[in-house]
Amino acid sequence: MKQLGMVLAAVALAAAAWWWFTAEMPRRAQANEAAAEAAAIQAERANTLYRWRDEAGNLHVTDAPPKGRRYERISRTPQDGITVDGGKP
């Protein structure tokens, strides 16, 4: 009888391990991938500025896109090889 109980416990443990690796692990991996993708999108938005012109033609650069107006998305990080000089000639 004692051996039968140990066999049943081993079978139950094997079934639980099978369920974990076939059902729960892929679900957790998918959740981790979704979280990583959301973090990448948020990091990209944090590095983005929006360039647009108002009705008078004035140029604006903001950290939020304007509503109902065309805009251009630009990066806060300059590209390699571009030198930014704030002084006037």
C-alpha atoms as a PDB file:
ATOM      1  CA  MET A   1       0.000   0.000   0.000  1.00  0.00           C
ATOM      2  CA  LYS A   2       2.786   2.393   0.862  1.00  0.00           C
ATOM      3  CA  GLN A   3       4.376   1.816  -2.551  1.00  0.00           C
ATOM      4  CA  LEU A   4       1.063   2.515  -4.306  1.00  0.00           C
ATOM      5  CA  GLY A   5       0.791   5.860  -2.523  1.00  0.00           C
ATOM      6  CA  MET A   6       4.321   6.790  -3.590  1.00  0.00           C
ATOM      7  CA  VAL A   7       3.562   5.825  -7.201  1.00  0.00           C
ATOM      8  CA  LEU A   8       0.376   7.933  -7.178  1.00  0.00           C
ATOM      9  CA  ALA A   9       2.297  10.867  -5.682  1.00  0.00           C
ATOM     10  CA  ALA A  10       4.950  10.536  -8.377  1.00  0.00           C
ATOM     11  CA  VAL A  11       2.290  10.431 -11.112  1.00  0.00           C
ATOM     12  CA  ALA A  12       0.579  13.510  -9.641  1.00  0.00           C
ATOM     13  CA  LEU A  13       3.905  15.332  -9.472  1.00  0.00           C
ATOM     14  CA  ALA A  14       4.683  14.382 -13.085  1.00  0.00           C
ATOM     15  CA  ALA A  15       1.234  15.600 -14.203  1.00  0.00           C
ATOM     16  CA  ALA A  16       1.735  18.915 -12.401  1.00  0.00           C
ATOM     17  CA  ALA A  17       5.161  19.352 -13.986  1.00  0.00           C
ATOM     18  CA  TRP A  18       3.741  18.531 -17.426  1.00  0.00           C
ATOM     19  CA  TRP A  19       0.982  21.122 -16.946  1.00  0.00           C
ATOM     20  CA  TRP A  20       3.489  23.748 -15.773  1.00  0.00           C
ATOM     21  CA  PHE A  21       5.784  23.354 -18.760  1.00  0.00           C
ATOM     22  CA  THR A  22       3.021  23.111 -21.387  1.00  0.00           C
ATOM     23  CA  ALA A  23       0.542  25.703 -20.102  1.00  0.00           C
ATOM     24  CA  GLU A  24       2.029  28.101 -17.593  1.00  0.00           C
ATOM     25  CA  MET A  25       5.567  28.614 -18.919  1.00  0.00           C
ATOM     26  CA  PRO A  26       4.506  29.702 -22.452  1.00  0.00           C
ATOM     27  CA  ARG A  27       1.945  32.066 -20.913  1.00  0.00           C
ATOM     28  CA  ARG A  28       4.623  33.661 -18.735  1.00  0.00           C
ATOM     29  CA  ALA A  29       7.021  33.928 -21.680  1.00  0.00           C
ATOM     30  CA  GLN A  30       4.313  35.646 -23.726  1.00  0.00           C
ATOM     31  CA  ALA A  31       3.600  38.060 -20.869  1.00  0.00           C
ATOM     32  CA  ASN A  32       7.326  38.851 -20.587  1.00  0.00           C
ATOM     33  CA  GLU A  33       7.538  39.507 -24.337  1.00  0.00           C
ATOM     34  CA  ALA A  34       4.526  41.838 -24.167  1.00  0.00           C
ATOM     35  CA  ALA A  35       6.058  43.720 -21.238  1.00  0.00           C
ATOM     36  CA  ALA A  36       9.370  44.087 -23.079  1.00  0.00           C
ATOM     37  CA  GLU A  37       7.575  45.389 -26.176  1.00  0.00           C
ATOM     38  CA  ALA A  38       5.613  47.906 -24.096  1.00  0.00           C
ATOM     39  CA  ALA A  39       8.829  49.077 -22.436  1.00  0.00           C
ATOM     40  CA  ALA A  40      10.486  49.546 -25.838  1.00  0.00           C
ATOM     41  CA  ILE A  41       7.534  51.622 -27.100  1.00  0.00           C
ATOM     42  CA  GLN A  42       7.595  53.747 -23.962  1.00  0.00           C
ATOM     43  CA  ALA A  43      11.349  54.319 -24.293  1.00  0.00           C
ATOM     44  CA  GLU A  44      10.902  55.363 -27.923  1.00  0.00           C
ATOM     45  CA  ARG A  45       8.159  57.830 -26.973  1.00  0.00           C
ATOM     46  CA  ALA A  46      10.352  59.268 -24.214  1.00  0.00           C
ATOM     47  CA  ASN A  47      13.043  59.947 -26.823  1.00  0.00           C
ATOM     48  CA  THR A  48      10.628  61.634 -29.277  1.00  0.00           C
ATOM     49  CA  LEU A  49       9.882  65.292 -29.960  1.00  0.00           C
ATOM     50  CA  TYR A  50       7.210  66.613 -32.314  1.00  0.00           C
ATOM     51  CA  ARG A  51       7.864  69.410 -34.819  1.00  0.00           C
ATOM     52  CA  TRP A  52       4.865  71.281 -36.250  1.00  0.00           C
ATOM     53  CA  ARG A  53       3.691  74.689 -37.462  1.00  0.00           C
ATOM     54  CA  ASP A  54       0.700  76.678 -36.226  1.00  0.00           C
ATOM     55  CA  GLU A  55      -1.787  78.695 -38.321  1.00  0.00           C
ATOM     56  CA  ALA A  56       0.634  81.633 -38.535  1.00  0.00           C
ATOM     57  CA  GLY A  57       3.444  79.398 -39.779  1.00  0.00           C
ATOM     58  CA  ASN A  58       5.441  79.518 -36.544  1.00  0.00           C
ATOM     59  CA  LEU A  59       7.557  76.443 -35.857  1.00  0.00           C
ATOM     60  CA  HIS A  60       6.920  74.569 -32.604  1.00  0.00           C
ATOM     61  CA  VAL A  61       8.820  71.653 -31.071  1.00  0.00           C
ATOM     62  CA  THR A  62       6.969  69.912 -28.256  1.00  0.00           C
ATOM     63  CA  ASP A  63       7.118  66.664 -26.313  1.00  0.00           C
ATOM     64  CA  ALA A  64       3.458  65.848 -27.106  1.00  0.00           C
ATOM     65  CA  PRO A  65       1.922  65.662 -30.574  1.00  0.00           C
ATOM     66  CA  PRO A  66      -0.536  68.434 -31.470  1.00  0.00           C
ATOM     67  CA  LYS A  67      -4.173  67.452 -31.889  1.00  0.00           C
ATOM     68  CA  GLY A  68      -5.710  67.830 -35.334  1.00  0.00           C
ATOM     69  CA  ARG A  69      -2.512  69.055 -36.980  1.00  0.00           C
ATOM     70  CA  ARG A  70       0.206  67.496 -39.103  1.00  0.00           C
ATOM     71  CA  TYR A  71       3.499  67.000 -37.300  1.00  0.00           C
ATOM     72  CA  GLU A  72       6.888  65.399 -37.769  1.00  0.00           C
ATOM     73  CA  ARG A  73       8.324  63.022 -35.202  1.00  0.00           C
ATOM     74  CA  ILE A  74      11.998  63.688 -34.427  1.00  0.00           C
ATOM     75  CA  SER A  75      14.462  62.048 -32.058  1.00  0.00           C
ATOM     76  CA  ARG A  76      15.950  63.843 -29.057  1.00  0.00           C
ATOM     77  CA  THR A  77      19.197  61.955 -29.654  1.00  0.00           C
ATOM     78  CA  PRO A  78      21.291  63.401 -32.501  1.00  0.00           C
ATOM     79  CA  GLN A  79      22.481  61.052 -35.219  1.00  0.00           C
ATOM     80  CA  ASP A  80      26.135  60.038 -35.342  1.00  0.00           C
ATOM     81  CA  GLY A  81      28.216  62.444 -37.382  1.00  0.00           C
ATOM     82  CA  ILE A  82      25.967  65.482 -36.821  1.00  0.00           C
ATOM     83  CA  THR A  83      27.413  68.340 -34.802  1.00  0.00           C
ATOM     84  CA  VAL A  84      25.016  70.724 -33.083  1.00  0.00           C
ATOM     85  CA  ASP A  85      26.352  74.249 -32.537  1.00  0.00           C
ATOM     86  CA  GLY A  86      24.084  76.657 -30.681  1.00  0.00           C
ATOM     87  CA  GLY A  87      26.171  79.755 -31.417  1.00  0.00           C
ATOM     88  CA  LYS A  88      25.201  82.229 -34.112  1.00  0.00           C
ATOM     89  CA  PRO A  89      27.743  83.071 -36.829  1.00  0.00           C
END
